[in-house]
Amino acid sequence: MTVNKNDTGPAERLLTPGEVAHIFGVDPKTVNRWSLTGKIPSLKTPGGQRRYRQSDIDALLRQPVRTSEAIAVGRSALEVTCSLR
């Protein structure tokens, strides 16, 4: 699925919770929880399903992560990154 940023701009790919979950190595329900708590931005389709902009996910992946902290507490890198904010 893609969405136009504006009428003249290029379309941006939207990811499902399952696709985002695969990227971060978590359950899709975790991705939805992150969205509900504001840790990850999302859009809702007309049918009420959540979708995530590829650019938002890429930005999260580029953030520096304290890997040793993630391993020490058994949480994913995104969970640690989000909790540091």
C-alpha atoms as a PDB file:
ATOM      1  CA  MET A   1       0.000   0.000   0.000  1.00  0.00           C
ATOM      2  CA  THR A   2       1.226   3.507  -0.774  1.00  0.00           C
ATOM      3  CA  VAL A   3       0.040   6.965   0.139  1.00  0.00           C
ATOM      4  CA  ASN A   4       0.727  10.280  -1.551  1.00  0.00           C
ATOM      5  CA  LYS A   5       2.389  12.835   0.695  1.00  0.00           C
ATOM      6  CA  ASN A   6       0.697  15.519  -1.354  1.00  0.00           C
ATOM      7  CA  ASP A   7      -0.830  15.814  -4.785  1.00  0.00           C
ATOM      8  CA  THR A   8       2.515  16.379  -6.514  1.00  0.00           C
ATOM      9  CA  GLY A   9       4.912  14.369  -4.338  1.00  0.00           C
ATOM     10  CA  PRO A  10       5.913  10.730  -4.721  1.00  0.00           C
ATOM     11  CA  ALA A  11       3.911   7.973  -3.066  1.00  0.00           C
ATOM     12  CA  GLU A  12       5.284   6.543   0.159  1.00  0.00           C
ATOM     13  CA  ARG A  13       5.049   2.874   1.084  1.00  0.00           C
ATOM     14  CA  LEU A  14       2.935   1.981   4.102  1.00  0.00           C
ATOM     15  CA  LEU A  15       3.811  -1.064   6.185  1.00  0.00           C
ATOM     16  CA  THR A  16       1.485  -3.388   8.073  1.00  0.00           C
ATOM     17  CA  PRO A  17       2.025  -4.146  11.764  1.00  0.00           C
ATOM     18  CA  GLY A  18       3.301  -7.576  10.703  1.00  0.00           C
ATOM     19  CA  GLU A  19       5.925  -6.081   8.404  1.00  0.00           C
ATOM     20  CA  VAL A  20       7.108  -3.661  11.104  1.00  0.00           C
ATOM     21  CA  ALA A  21       7.141  -6.480  13.652  1.00  0.00           C
ATOM     22  CA  HIS A  22       9.347  -8.543  11.350  1.00  0.00           C
ATOM     23  CA  ILE A  23      11.778  -5.640  10.949  1.00  0.00           C
ATOM     24  CA  PHE A  24      12.146  -5.199  14.725  1.00  0.00           C
ATOM     25  CA  GLY A  25      11.827  -8.858  15.692  1.00  0.00           C
ATOM     26  CA  VAL A  26       8.733  -8.437  17.858  1.00  0.00           C
ATOM     27  CA  ASP A  27       5.085  -9.533  17.792  1.00  0.00           C
ATOM     28  CA  PRO A  28       2.648  -7.418  15.730  1.00  0.00           C
ATOM     29  CA  LYS A  29       0.674  -6.715  18.917  1.00  0.00           C
ATOM     30  CA  THR A  30       3.798  -5.075  20.337  1.00  0.00           C
ATOM     31  CA  VAL A  31       3.951  -2.777  17.314  1.00  0.00           C
ATOM     32  CA  ASN A  32       0.312  -1.804  17.883  1.00  0.00           C
ATOM     33  CA  ARG A  33       1.054  -1.112  21.574  1.00  0.00           C
ATOM     34  CA  TRP A  34       3.977   1.110  20.571  1.00  0.00           C
ATOM     35  CA  SER A  35       1.595   3.005  18.314  1.00  0.00           C
ATOM     36  CA  LEU A  36      -1.049   3.393  21.017  1.00  0.00           C
ATOM     37  CA  THR A  37       1.532   4.740  23.471  1.00  0.00           C
ATOM     38  CA  GLY A  38       3.018   7.168  20.943  1.00  0.00           C
ATOM     39  CA  LYS A  39       6.370   5.420  20.613  1.00  0.00           C
ATOM     40  CA  ILE A  40       5.903   4.924  16.887  1.00  0.00           C
ATOM     41  CA  PRO A  41       3.765   7.047  14.532  1.00  0.00           C
ATOM     42  CA  SER A  42       0.968   5.386  12.600  1.00  0.00           C
ATOM     43  CA  LEU A  43      -1.927   6.062  10.267  1.00  0.00           C
ATOM     44  CA  LYS A  44      -5.334   4.435  10.255  1.00  0.00           C
ATOM     45  CA  THR A  45      -6.913   3.147   7.084  1.00  0.00           C
ATOM     46  CA  PRO A  46     -10.594   3.866   6.375  1.00  0.00           C
ATOM     47  CA  GLY A  47     -11.226   0.329   7.659  1.00  0.00           C
ATOM     48  CA  GLY A  48      -9.555   1.122  10.996  1.00  0.00           C
ATOM     49  CA  GLN A  49      -6.321  -0.812  10.454  1.00  0.00           C
ATOM     50  CA  ARG A  50      -2.965   0.676  11.430  1.00  0.00           C
ATOM     51  CA  ARG A  51      -0.261   1.360   8.860  1.00  0.00           C
ATOM     52  CA  TYR A  52       3.251   2.703   9.327  1.00  0.00           C
ATOM     53  CA  ARG A  53       5.177   4.974   6.958  1.00  0.00           C
ATOM     54  CA  GLN A  54       8.371   3.413   5.641  1.00  0.00           C
ATOM     55  CA  SER A  55      10.188   6.712   6.251  1.00  0.00           C
ATOM     56  CA  ASP A  56       9.181   6.700   9.949  1.00  0.00           C
ATOM     57  CA  ILE A  57      10.448   3.148  10.374  1.00  0.00           C
ATOM     58  CA  ASP A  58      13.689   3.994   8.560  1.00  0.00           C
ATOM     59  CA  ALA A  59      14.180   6.976  10.883  1.00  0.00           C
ATOM     60  CA  LEU A  60      13.746   4.749  13.933  1.00  0.00           C
ATOM     61  CA  LEU A  61      16.247   2.279  12.537  1.00  0.00           C
ATOM     62  CA  ARG A  62      18.811   5.066  12.085  1.00  0.00           C
ATOM     63  CA  GLN A  63      18.602   6.140  15.734  1.00  0.00           C
ATOM     64  CA  PRO A  64      21.567   5.137  17.866  1.00  0.00           C
ATOM     65  CA  VAL A  65      20.736   2.250  20.181  1.00  0.00           C
ATOM     66  CA  ARG A  66      22.451   1.085  23.321  1.00  0.00           C
ATOM     67  CA  THR A  67      22.666  -2.553  22.294  1.00  0.00           C
ATOM     68  CA  SER A  68      24.259  -3.684  25.546  1.00  0.00           C
ATOM     69  CA  GLU A  69      21.354  -2.166  27.482  1.00  0.00           C
ATOM     70  CA  ALA A  70      18.833  -3.923  25.231  1.00  0.00           C
ATOM     71  CA  ILE A  71      20.555  -7.262  25.786  1.00  0.00           C
ATOM     72  CA  ALA A  72      20.884  -6.714  29.529  1.00  0.00           C
ATOM     73  CA  VAL A  73      17.171  -6.154  30.045  1.00  0.00           C
ATOM     74  CA  GLY A  74      15.966  -8.515  27.316  1.00  0.00           C
ATOM     75  CA  ARG A  75      14.117  -5.871  25.333  1.00  0.00           C
ATOM     76  CA  SER A  76      14.194  -5.028  21.666  1.00  0.00           C
ATOM     77  CA  ALA A  77      16.325  -2.153  20.423  1.00  0.00           C
ATOM     78  CA  LEU A  78      13.193  -0.096  19.631  1.00  0.00           C
ATOM     79  CA  GLU A  79      11.807  -0.597  23.133  1.00  0.00           C
ATOM     80  CA  VAL A  80      15.071   0.632  24.638  1.00  0.00           C
ATOM     81  CA  THR A  81      15.280   3.559  22.202  1.00  0.00           C
ATOM     82  CA  CYS A  82      11.683   4.571  22.909  1.00  0.00           C
ATOM     83  CA  SER A  83      12.121   4.314  26.673  1.00  0.00           C
ATOM     84  CA  LEU A  84      15.111   6.679  26.539  1.00  0.00           C
ATOM     85  CA  ARG A  85      12.977   9.539  25.243  1.00  0.00           C
END
